[in-house]
Structures are given as C-alpha cells and as structure tokens.
N, C-alpha and C. Protein backbone atom coordinates (compact mmCIF):
# COMPACT_ATOMS: atom_id res chain seq x y z
N MET A 1 -60.29 11.69 50.16
CA MET A 1 -60.51 12.79 49.26
C MET A 1 -60.93 14.04 50.03
N GLY A 2 -61.65 13.87 51.14
CA GLY A 2 -62.08 15.00 51.95
C GLY A 2 -60.90 15.75 52.54
N ARG A 3 -59.86 15.03 52.92
CA ARG A 3 -58.66 15.66 53.46
C ARG A 3 -57.98 16.51 52.40
N THR A 4 -57.98 16.02 51.18
CA THR A 4 -57.33 16.75 50.09
C THR A 4 -58.03 18.07 49.84
N VAL A 5 -59.33 18.06 49.82
CA VAL A 5 -60.09 19.29 49.62
C VAL A 5 -59.83 20.26 50.77
N ALA A 6 -59.80 19.75 51.98
CA ALA A 6 -59.52 20.59 53.14
C ALA A 6 -58.13 21.21 53.04
N ARG A 7 -57.17 20.43 52.58
CA ARG A 7 -55.80 20.95 52.43
C ARG A 7 -55.75 22.01 51.34
N LEU A 8 -56.46 21.78 50.24
CA LEU A 8 -56.48 22.77 49.17
C LEU A 8 -57.08 24.09 49.66
N LEU A 9 -58.17 23.98 50.40
CA LEU A 9 -58.80 25.19 50.94
C LEU A 9 -57.87 25.88 51.93
N GLY A 10 -57.20 25.11 52.76
CA GLY A 10 -56.25 25.67 53.71
C GLY A 10 -55.10 26.36 53.02
N ALA A 11 -54.60 25.75 51.95
CA ALA A 11 -53.50 26.35 51.20
C ALA A 11 -53.95 27.64 50.53
N ALA A 12 -55.17 27.64 49.99
CA ALA A 12 -55.68 28.86 49.36
C ALA A 12 -55.86 29.97 50.39
N LEU A 13 -56.33 29.62 51.57
CA LEU A 13 -56.49 30.61 52.63
C LEU A 13 -55.14 31.17 53.05
N LEU A 14 -54.14 30.32 53.18
CA LEU A 14 -52.80 30.79 53.53
C LEU A 14 -52.24 31.71 52.45
N ALA A 15 -52.44 31.35 51.20
CA ALA A 15 -51.95 32.19 50.11
C ALA A 15 -52.64 33.54 50.12
N TRP A 16 -53.94 33.55 50.38
CA TRP A 16 -54.69 34.80 50.42
C TRP A 16 -54.22 35.69 51.56
N THR A 17 -54.02 35.10 52.76
CA THR A 17 -53.57 35.92 53.89
C THR A 17 -52.16 36.43 53.67
N CYS A 18 -51.31 35.61 53.06
CA CYS A 18 -49.95 36.07 52.76
C CYS A 18 -50.00 37.24 51.78
N ALA A 19 -50.86 37.12 50.78
CA ALA A 19 -50.97 38.19 49.79
C ALA A 19 -51.52 39.46 50.41
N SER A 20 -52.49 39.34 51.31
CA SER A 20 -53.06 40.53 51.92
C SER A 20 -52.07 41.21 52.85
N HIS A 21 -51.26 40.42 53.57
CA HIS A 21 -50.24 41.02 54.43
C HIS A 21 -49.16 41.69 53.60
N ALA A 22 -48.76 41.06 52.53
CA ALA A 22 -47.71 41.63 51.68
C ALA A 22 -48.23 42.85 50.94
N ALA A 23 -49.53 42.88 50.61
CA ALA A 23 -50.09 44.03 49.90
C ALA A 23 -50.07 45.28 50.77
N ASP A 24 -50.15 45.12 52.08
CA ASP A 24 -50.10 46.27 52.97
C ASP A 24 -48.75 46.96 52.87
N ALA A 25 -47.70 46.21 52.64
CA ALA A 25 -46.36 46.80 52.60
C ALA A 25 -46.09 47.49 51.27
N GLY A 26 -46.46 46.89 50.14
CA GLY A 26 -46.35 47.46 48.82
C GLY A 26 -45.00 48.07 48.47
N GLY A 27 -44.05 47.30 48.01
CA GLY A 27 -42.79 47.83 47.53
C GLY A 27 -41.67 47.81 48.55
N ASP A 28 -41.88 47.31 49.71
CA ASP A 28 -40.86 47.27 50.74
C ASP A 28 -40.10 45.95 50.63
N LYS A 29 -38.79 46.05 50.39
CA LYS A 29 -37.97 44.85 50.20
C LYS A 29 -37.95 43.99 51.47
N ALA A 30 -37.92 44.64 52.62
CA ALA A 30 -37.93 43.88 53.88
C ALA A 30 -39.24 43.11 54.04
N ALA A 31 -40.34 43.73 53.64
CA ALA A 31 -41.64 43.04 53.73
C ALA A 31 -41.68 41.86 52.76
N GLN A 32 -41.08 42.04 51.58
CA GLN A 32 -41.04 40.94 50.63
C GLN A 32 -40.21 39.79 51.19
N ARG A 33 -39.08 40.12 51.77
CA ARG A 33 -38.21 39.10 52.35
C ARG A 33 -38.94 38.36 53.47
N LYS A 34 -39.67 39.12 54.29
CA LYS A 34 -40.42 38.50 55.39
C LYS A 34 -41.52 37.59 54.85
N ALA A 35 -42.22 38.04 53.81
CA ALA A 35 -43.29 37.23 53.22
C ALA A 35 -42.72 35.94 52.64
N LEU A 36 -41.56 36.04 52.00
CA LEU A 36 -40.93 34.83 51.44
C LEU A 36 -40.47 33.88 52.54
N GLN A 37 -39.96 34.43 53.64
CA GLN A 37 -39.55 33.58 54.76
C GLN A 37 -40.76 32.90 55.39
N GLU A 38 -41.86 33.64 55.54
CA GLU A 38 -43.08 33.05 56.10
C GLU A 38 -43.61 31.94 55.19
N ALA A 39 -43.52 32.18 53.89
CA ALA A 39 -43.96 31.15 52.93
C ALA A 39 -43.10 29.90 53.06
N ALA A 40 -41.80 30.09 53.23
CA ALA A 40 -40.91 28.94 53.38
C ALA A 40 -41.21 28.18 54.67
N VAL A 41 -41.49 28.90 55.73
CA VAL A 41 -41.82 28.25 57.00
C VAL A 41 -43.12 27.45 56.87
N ARG A 42 -44.14 28.05 56.22
CA ARG A 42 -45.40 27.34 56.01
C ARG A 42 -45.18 26.10 55.14
N TYR A 43 -44.36 26.24 54.12
CA TYR A 43 -44.07 25.12 53.23
C TYR A 43 -43.42 23.98 54.00
N ASN A 44 -42.43 24.30 54.81
CA ASN A 44 -41.76 23.26 55.58
C ASN A 44 -42.71 22.61 56.59
N HIS A 45 -43.57 23.43 57.20
CA HIS A 45 -44.55 22.88 58.15
C HIS A 45 -45.53 21.96 57.42
N ASN A 46 -45.99 22.39 56.24
CA ASN A 46 -46.92 21.55 55.47
C ASN A 46 -46.26 20.24 55.05
N ARG A 47 -44.99 20.30 54.68
CA ARG A 47 -44.27 19.07 54.29
C ARG A 47 -44.11 18.14 55.49
N GLU A 48 -43.89 18.70 56.67
CA GLU A 48 -43.81 17.86 57.87
C GLU A 48 -45.14 17.16 58.11
N ASP A 49 -46.24 17.89 57.92
CA ASP A 49 -47.55 17.27 58.07
C ASP A 49 -47.76 16.17 57.03
N CYS A 50 -47.25 16.41 55.82
CA CYS A 50 -47.39 15.42 54.76
C CYS A 50 -46.60 14.15 55.05
N SER A 51 -45.49 14.30 55.73
CA SER A 51 -44.65 13.13 55.99
C SER A 51 -45.34 12.12 56.91
N LYS A 52 -46.39 12.54 57.60
CA LYS A 52 -47.14 11.63 58.47
C LYS A 52 -48.10 10.74 57.65
N LEU A 53 -48.36 11.13 56.41
CA LEU A 53 -49.27 10.38 55.56
C LEU A 53 -48.52 9.29 54.81
N ARG A 54 -49.25 8.41 54.17
CA ARG A 54 -48.65 7.32 53.42
C ARG A 54 -49.28 7.24 52.03
N GLY A 55 -48.52 6.69 51.11
CA GLY A 55 -49.03 6.39 49.78
C GLY A 55 -49.37 7.62 48.96
N PHE A 56 -50.48 7.51 48.25
CA PHE A 56 -50.89 8.58 47.35
C PHE A 56 -51.25 9.85 48.10
N GLU A 57 -51.83 9.73 49.29
CA GLU A 57 -52.19 10.91 50.06
C GLU A 57 -50.96 11.77 50.35
N ARG A 58 -49.83 11.12 50.61
CA ARG A 58 -48.59 11.85 50.87
C ARG A 58 -48.16 12.62 49.61
N LYS A 59 -48.20 11.94 48.48
CA LYS A 59 -47.80 12.56 47.22
C LYS A 59 -48.70 13.76 46.90
N ALA A 60 -49.99 13.60 47.09
CA ALA A 60 -50.94 14.69 46.84
C ALA A 60 -50.72 15.85 47.82
N CYS A 61 -50.41 15.52 49.06
CA CYS A 61 -50.16 16.53 50.07
C CYS A 61 -48.91 17.34 49.72
N TYR A 62 -47.86 16.66 49.26
CA TYR A 62 -46.65 17.36 48.83
C TYR A 62 -46.95 18.29 47.65
N ALA A 63 -47.77 17.84 46.73
CA ALA A 63 -48.13 18.67 45.58
C ALA A 63 -48.90 19.91 46.02
N ASP A 64 -49.80 19.75 46.99
CA ASP A 64 -50.55 20.89 47.50
C ASP A 64 -49.64 21.87 48.22
N ALA A 65 -48.70 21.35 49.00
CA ALA A 65 -47.76 22.21 49.71
C ALA A 65 -46.88 22.99 48.73
N ARG A 66 -46.43 22.32 47.70
CA ARG A 66 -45.59 22.95 46.69
C ARG A 66 -46.38 24.04 45.95
N ALA A 67 -47.63 23.76 45.61
CA ALA A 67 -48.47 24.75 44.92
C ALA A 67 -48.72 25.96 45.80
N ALA A 68 -48.99 25.74 47.07
CA ALA A 68 -49.22 26.87 47.98
C ALA A 68 -47.96 27.72 48.12
N TYR A 69 -46.80 27.07 48.16
CA TYR A 69 -45.55 27.81 48.27
C TYR A 69 -45.30 28.64 47.02
N ARG A 70 -45.53 28.06 45.86
CA ARG A 70 -45.34 28.80 44.61
C ARG A 70 -46.25 30.02 44.54
N LYS A 71 -47.49 29.86 45.00
CA LYS A 71 -48.42 30.98 45.00
C LYS A 71 -47.96 32.08 45.95
N ASP A 72 -47.55 31.68 47.16
CA ASP A 72 -47.07 32.65 48.14
C ASP A 72 -45.86 33.41 47.61
N GLU A 73 -44.96 32.69 46.98
CA GLU A 73 -43.75 33.30 46.44
C GLU A 73 -44.09 34.29 45.32
N ALA A 74 -44.97 33.90 44.43
CA ALA A 74 -45.37 34.77 43.32
C ALA A 74 -46.10 36.01 43.83
N ASN A 75 -46.95 35.84 44.84
CA ASN A 75 -47.67 36.98 45.39
C ASN A 75 -46.73 37.95 46.10
N ALA A 76 -45.72 37.43 46.77
CA ALA A 76 -44.75 38.31 47.44
C ALA A 76 -44.00 39.15 46.41
N VAL A 77 -43.60 38.55 45.33
CA VAL A 77 -42.89 39.28 44.28
C VAL A 77 -43.81 40.31 43.62
N ALA A 78 -45.05 39.91 43.35
CA ALA A 78 -46.00 40.82 42.72
C ALA A 78 -46.32 42.01 43.63
N ASP A 79 -46.45 41.75 44.91
CA ASP A 79 -46.74 42.84 45.84
C ASP A 79 -45.56 43.79 45.96
N PHE A 80 -44.36 43.25 45.84
CA PHE A 80 -43.18 44.11 45.90
C PHE A 80 -43.10 44.98 44.64
N ARG A 81 -43.28 44.38 43.49
CA ARG A 81 -43.19 45.14 42.24
C ARG A 81 -44.37 46.07 42.05
N ASN A 82 -45.55 45.64 42.47
CA ASN A 82 -46.75 46.45 42.47
C ASN A 82 -47.06 47.02 41.09
N THR A 83 -47.04 46.17 40.08
CA THR A 83 -47.40 46.57 38.72
C THR A 83 -48.45 45.60 38.19
N PRO A 84 -49.22 46.04 37.21
CA PRO A 84 -50.20 45.12 36.62
C PRO A 84 -49.54 43.88 36.02
N ARG A 85 -48.37 44.04 35.42
CA ARG A 85 -47.67 42.91 34.81
C ARG A 85 -47.25 41.90 35.88
N ALA A 86 -46.73 42.40 36.99
CA ALA A 86 -46.30 41.51 38.07
C ALA A 86 -47.50 40.77 38.66
N ARG A 87 -48.63 41.45 38.79
CA ARG A 87 -49.84 40.81 39.32
C ARG A 87 -50.31 39.73 38.35
N MET A 88 -50.26 40.02 37.04
CA MET A 88 -50.66 39.03 36.05
C MET A 88 -49.73 37.81 36.12
N ASP A 89 -48.43 38.07 36.22
CA ASP A 89 -47.47 36.96 36.32
C ASP A 89 -47.77 36.09 37.54
N ALA A 90 -48.12 36.72 38.66
CA ALA A 90 -48.44 35.97 39.88
C ALA A 90 -49.69 35.12 39.68
N GLU A 91 -50.69 35.67 39.01
CA GLU A 91 -51.92 34.91 38.78
C GLU A 91 -51.68 33.75 37.83
N VAL A 92 -50.82 33.96 36.83
CA VAL A 92 -50.50 32.88 35.90
C VAL A 92 -49.72 31.78 36.63
N LEU A 93 -48.76 32.18 37.46
CA LEU A 93 -48.02 31.19 38.24
C LEU A 93 -48.94 30.42 39.18
N ALA A 94 -49.90 31.11 39.77
CA ALA A 94 -50.86 30.44 40.65
C ALA A 94 -51.70 29.43 39.87
N ALA A 95 -52.13 29.81 38.68
CA ALA A 95 -52.92 28.89 37.84
C ALA A 95 -52.09 27.68 37.45
N ASN A 96 -50.83 27.91 37.12
CA ASN A 96 -49.95 26.78 36.75
C ASN A 96 -49.67 25.89 37.95
N ALA A 97 -49.53 26.49 39.13
CA ALA A 97 -49.31 25.69 40.34
C ALA A 97 -50.54 24.83 40.65
N ASP A 98 -51.72 25.41 40.47
CA ASP A 98 -52.95 24.64 40.68
C ASP A 98 -53.05 23.49 39.68
N LEU A 99 -52.68 23.75 38.44
CA LEU A 99 -52.71 22.70 37.42
C LEU A 99 -51.74 21.58 37.77
N SER A 100 -50.57 21.96 38.24
CA SER A 100 -49.58 20.96 38.61
C SER A 100 -50.09 20.07 39.75
N ALA A 101 -50.71 20.69 40.75
CA ALA A 101 -51.27 19.91 41.86
C ALA A 101 -52.45 19.06 41.38
N ALA A 102 -53.26 19.61 40.49
CA ALA A 102 -54.42 18.86 39.99
C ALA A 102 -53.99 17.63 39.21
N ARG A 103 -52.88 17.73 38.48
CA ARG A 103 -52.38 16.58 37.74
C ARG A 103 -52.06 15.42 38.69
N ILE A 104 -51.48 15.75 39.83
CA ILE A 104 -51.18 14.71 40.82
C ILE A 104 -52.47 14.11 41.37
N HIS A 105 -53.43 14.97 41.68
CA HIS A 105 -54.70 14.48 42.23
C HIS A 105 -55.46 13.63 41.20
N CYS A 106 -55.37 14.02 39.94
CA CYS A 106 -56.08 13.27 38.90
C CYS A 106 -55.44 11.91 38.64
N ALA A 107 -54.18 11.78 38.94
CA ALA A 107 -53.48 10.52 38.67
C ALA A 107 -54.04 9.35 39.46
N ASP A 108 -54.74 9.61 40.54
CA ASP A 108 -55.28 8.55 41.38
C ASP A 108 -56.61 8.01 40.86
N LYS A 109 -57.15 8.64 39.83
CA LYS A 109 -58.47 8.24 39.33
C LYS A 109 -58.33 7.21 38.20
N THR A 110 -59.43 6.56 37.89
CA THR A 110 -59.43 5.60 36.79
C THR A 110 -59.41 6.35 35.46
N ALA A 111 -59.23 5.64 34.36
CA ALA A 111 -58.97 6.22 33.04
C ALA A 111 -59.93 7.34 32.64
N ASP A 112 -61.22 7.05 32.59
CA ASP A 112 -62.18 8.05 32.14
C ASP A 112 -62.27 9.22 33.12
N LEU A 113 -62.30 8.90 34.39
CA LEU A 113 -62.37 9.96 35.39
C LEU A 113 -61.09 10.81 35.38
N ARG A 114 -59.95 10.17 35.15
CA ARG A 114 -58.68 10.90 35.10
C ARG A 114 -58.68 11.89 33.93
N GLU A 115 -59.13 11.44 32.78
CA GLU A 115 -59.17 12.32 31.61
C GLU A 115 -60.11 13.50 31.85
N ALA A 116 -61.26 13.23 32.45
CA ALA A 116 -62.20 14.31 32.74
C ALA A 116 -61.61 15.27 33.78
N CYS A 117 -60.94 14.72 34.77
CA CYS A 117 -60.32 15.54 35.81
C CYS A 117 -59.24 16.45 35.21
N LEU A 118 -58.39 15.88 34.35
CA LEU A 118 -57.34 16.67 33.70
C LEU A 118 -57.93 17.72 32.78
N ARG A 119 -58.97 17.35 32.06
CA ARG A 119 -59.63 18.30 31.16
C ARG A 119 -60.18 19.49 31.95
N ASP A 120 -60.82 19.19 33.09
CA ASP A 120 -61.36 20.26 33.94
C ASP A 120 -60.26 21.13 34.51
N ALA A 121 -59.16 20.51 34.93
CA ALA A 121 -58.05 21.26 35.50
C ALA A 121 -57.41 22.18 34.46
N LYS A 122 -57.23 21.67 33.26
CA LYS A 122 -56.65 22.48 32.19
C LYS A 122 -57.57 23.63 31.81
N GLU A 123 -58.85 23.36 31.79
CA GLU A 123 -59.82 24.41 31.47
C GLU A 123 -59.81 25.50 32.55
N ALA A 124 -59.73 25.08 33.79
CA ALA A 124 -59.66 26.06 34.88
C ALA A 124 -58.38 26.90 34.77
N GLN A 125 -57.28 26.26 34.38
CA GLN A 125 -56.01 26.98 34.21
C GLN A 125 -56.12 27.97 33.05
N ARG A 126 -56.70 27.56 31.94
CA ARG A 126 -56.87 28.46 30.79
C ARG A 126 -57.73 29.66 31.15
N LYS A 127 -58.82 29.41 31.90
CA LYS A 127 -59.69 30.51 32.30
C LYS A 127 -58.97 31.47 33.24
N ALA A 128 -58.19 30.93 34.16
CA ALA A 128 -57.46 31.78 35.10
C ALA A 128 -56.42 32.63 34.38
N VAL A 129 -55.72 32.05 33.41
CA VAL A 129 -54.73 32.81 32.65
C VAL A 129 -55.42 33.89 31.82
N ALA A 130 -56.51 33.55 31.18
CA ALA A 130 -57.24 34.53 30.38
C ALA A 130 -57.76 35.68 31.25
N GLU A 131 -58.24 35.34 32.43
CA GLU A 131 -58.72 36.37 33.37
C GLU A 131 -57.57 37.27 33.83
N ALA A 132 -56.41 36.68 34.07
CA ALA A 132 -55.25 37.47 34.49
C ALA A 132 -54.82 38.44 33.39
N VAL A 133 -54.82 37.96 32.16
CA VAL A 133 -54.45 38.83 31.03
C VAL A 133 -55.50 39.94 30.88
N ARG A 134 -56.76 39.59 31.02
CA ARG A 134 -57.83 40.59 30.91
C ARG A 134 -57.67 41.67 31.97
N LYS A 135 -57.37 41.25 33.20
CA LYS A 135 -57.18 42.22 34.28
C LYS A 135 -56.00 43.13 34.02
N GLU A 136 -54.90 42.56 33.49
CA GLU A 136 -53.74 43.39 33.21
C GLU A 136 -54.06 44.41 32.13
N ARG A 137 -54.73 43.98 31.08
CA ARG A 137 -55.09 44.91 30.00
C ARG A 137 -56.02 46.00 30.50
N ALA A 138 -56.96 45.63 31.36
CA ALA A 138 -57.88 46.63 31.90
C ALA A 138 -57.12 47.63 32.77
N ALA A 139 -56.17 47.14 33.55
CA ALA A 139 -55.39 48.04 34.40
C ALA A 139 -54.53 48.98 33.57
N LEU A 140 -53.96 48.46 32.50
CA LEU A 140 -53.14 49.30 31.63
C LEU A 140 -53.99 50.31 30.86
N ALA A 141 -55.19 49.91 30.49
CA ALA A 141 -56.07 50.83 29.77
C ALA A 141 -56.57 51.95 30.67
N SER A 142 -56.80 51.63 31.92
CA SER A 142 -57.32 52.65 32.84
C SER A 142 -56.23 53.58 33.36
N ALA A 143 -54.97 53.14 33.30
CA ALA A 143 -53.86 53.96 33.76
C ALA A 143 -52.75 53.91 32.71
N PRO A 144 -52.78 54.82 31.73
CA PRO A 144 -51.80 54.76 30.65
C PRO A 144 -50.35 54.86 31.12
N HIS A 145 -50.11 55.56 32.21
CA HIS A 145 -48.74 55.69 32.71
C HIS A 145 -48.23 54.38 33.30
N ALA A 146 -49.11 53.45 33.58
CA ALA A 146 -48.69 52.18 34.18
C ALA A 146 -48.01 51.26 33.17
N LYS A 147 -48.15 51.56 31.88
CA LYS A 147 -47.55 50.70 30.86
C LYS A 147 -46.04 50.62 31.01
N ALA A 148 -45.40 51.75 31.24
CA ALA A 148 -43.94 51.75 31.41
C ALA A 148 -43.56 51.02 32.69
N GLU A 149 -44.38 51.13 33.73
CA GLU A 149 -44.08 50.47 34.99
C GLU A 149 -44.26 48.97 34.90
N SER A 150 -45.09 48.51 33.95
CA SER A 150 -45.38 47.08 33.87
C SER A 150 -44.28 46.32 33.14
N ASP A 151 -43.34 47.02 32.55
CA ASP A 151 -42.25 46.35 31.86
C ASP A 151 -41.31 45.72 32.86
N ALA A 152 -40.28 45.11 32.36
CA ALA A 152 -39.31 44.42 33.21
C ALA A 152 -38.68 45.40 34.20
N PRO A 153 -38.23 44.90 35.37
CA PRO A 153 -37.61 45.78 36.35
C PRO A 153 -36.38 46.45 35.75
N GLY A 154 -36.24 47.72 36.03
CA GLY A 154 -35.10 48.47 35.54
C GLY A 154 -35.36 49.11 34.19
N ALA A 155 -36.45 48.73 33.53
CA ALA A 155 -36.75 49.32 32.23
C ALA A 155 -37.32 50.71 32.43
N THR A 156 -36.95 51.61 31.59
CA THR A 156 -37.46 52.97 31.69
C THR A 156 -38.22 53.30 30.42
N ALA A 157 -39.19 54.17 30.56
CA ALA A 157 -39.98 54.58 29.41
C ALA A 157 -39.17 55.60 28.61
N ARG A 158 -39.20 55.47 27.30
CA ARG A 158 -38.49 56.41 26.46
C ARG A 158 -39.35 57.64 26.23
N LYS A 159 -38.70 58.76 26.24
CA LYS A 159 -39.42 60.01 25.96
C LYS A 159 -39.33 60.29 24.48
N ALA A 160 -40.36 60.90 23.95
CA ALA A 160 -40.36 61.26 22.53
C ALA A 160 -39.37 62.39 22.31
N PRO A 161 -38.60 62.36 21.22
CA PRO A 161 -37.61 63.42 20.96
C PRO A 161 -38.23 64.73 20.61
C-alpha cells in the first residue's frame, strides 16, 4: 500500500509540473503538442515500471499511470485554450481520473472497507467537481468578457443589434 501512495504522489507531482510548464506557454499549439508528447512518454515509462509488478499491484499501477496521463492531457488542452471553461473541464477530468483509479484501489479491500473507500472516493470527486464549477463561475463573474471566450472553440459572441 505504501508503494501505491508513493506512486499517486509521484503522478500528482508530474501532473503539476506538466501543468506549470504548459501554463508558461499559454495558447501555443507547439507547446501543447510538446506537453502531450511528454505526457505520453511519462505514461509509457510508468507502464514499463508497472510491468515489473505482479498481481493487484500491477493493476493499481496501471490505473495510476492512466489517471496521471488523463490529467496531463486535460491540463495541456486547458492551458492551450486558456479559458475558465477549459480549466474547469480539466479539473473535472482530473477528478474523474482520480475516481477511476480509486475504484481500482478500493477493489482490493474487504466488503465494508471497500464500500467506505468507494464512498470516500466519490465524495472527493463530488467536492472536486463542485470546486471546479465554483472557480469557473467566480472567474466568469470577475471577468464578464471571459464568458464568450469560455464557450466552445470557434464560438463567437453575438453583438446586440
């Protein structure tokens, strides 16, 4: 179990550093492509490390690697789009990736502990999604012009006649 926690912390650190590097570029397609390639390289490296494990540890390691990759990918897209909506989408994807990995980790526990583990994971996901929505609303409220930018790519704000 100690290895799993260490891997989760390592994956979170990698996701954070990827996000901070991609945030420096802000809107550069080449930087987004580079961030996605780096995420893919880290994912493949993590999967290679997982292949050395056996049994449930391997399955949990694969889940952690997949969750870290999903987070890196979402952060790269959000940093490229640089809108409150894109940031919220990335945070929601990160919460869902964490929930997906937690489901795998909870599967190794006995009945009562598994239910408690899943309940805690779902609650953490709900809180993360609610926080992401709150942040997006706060960003839109503080910058009214950002509302048009937060829509889907290619959407333009309509002017009043």
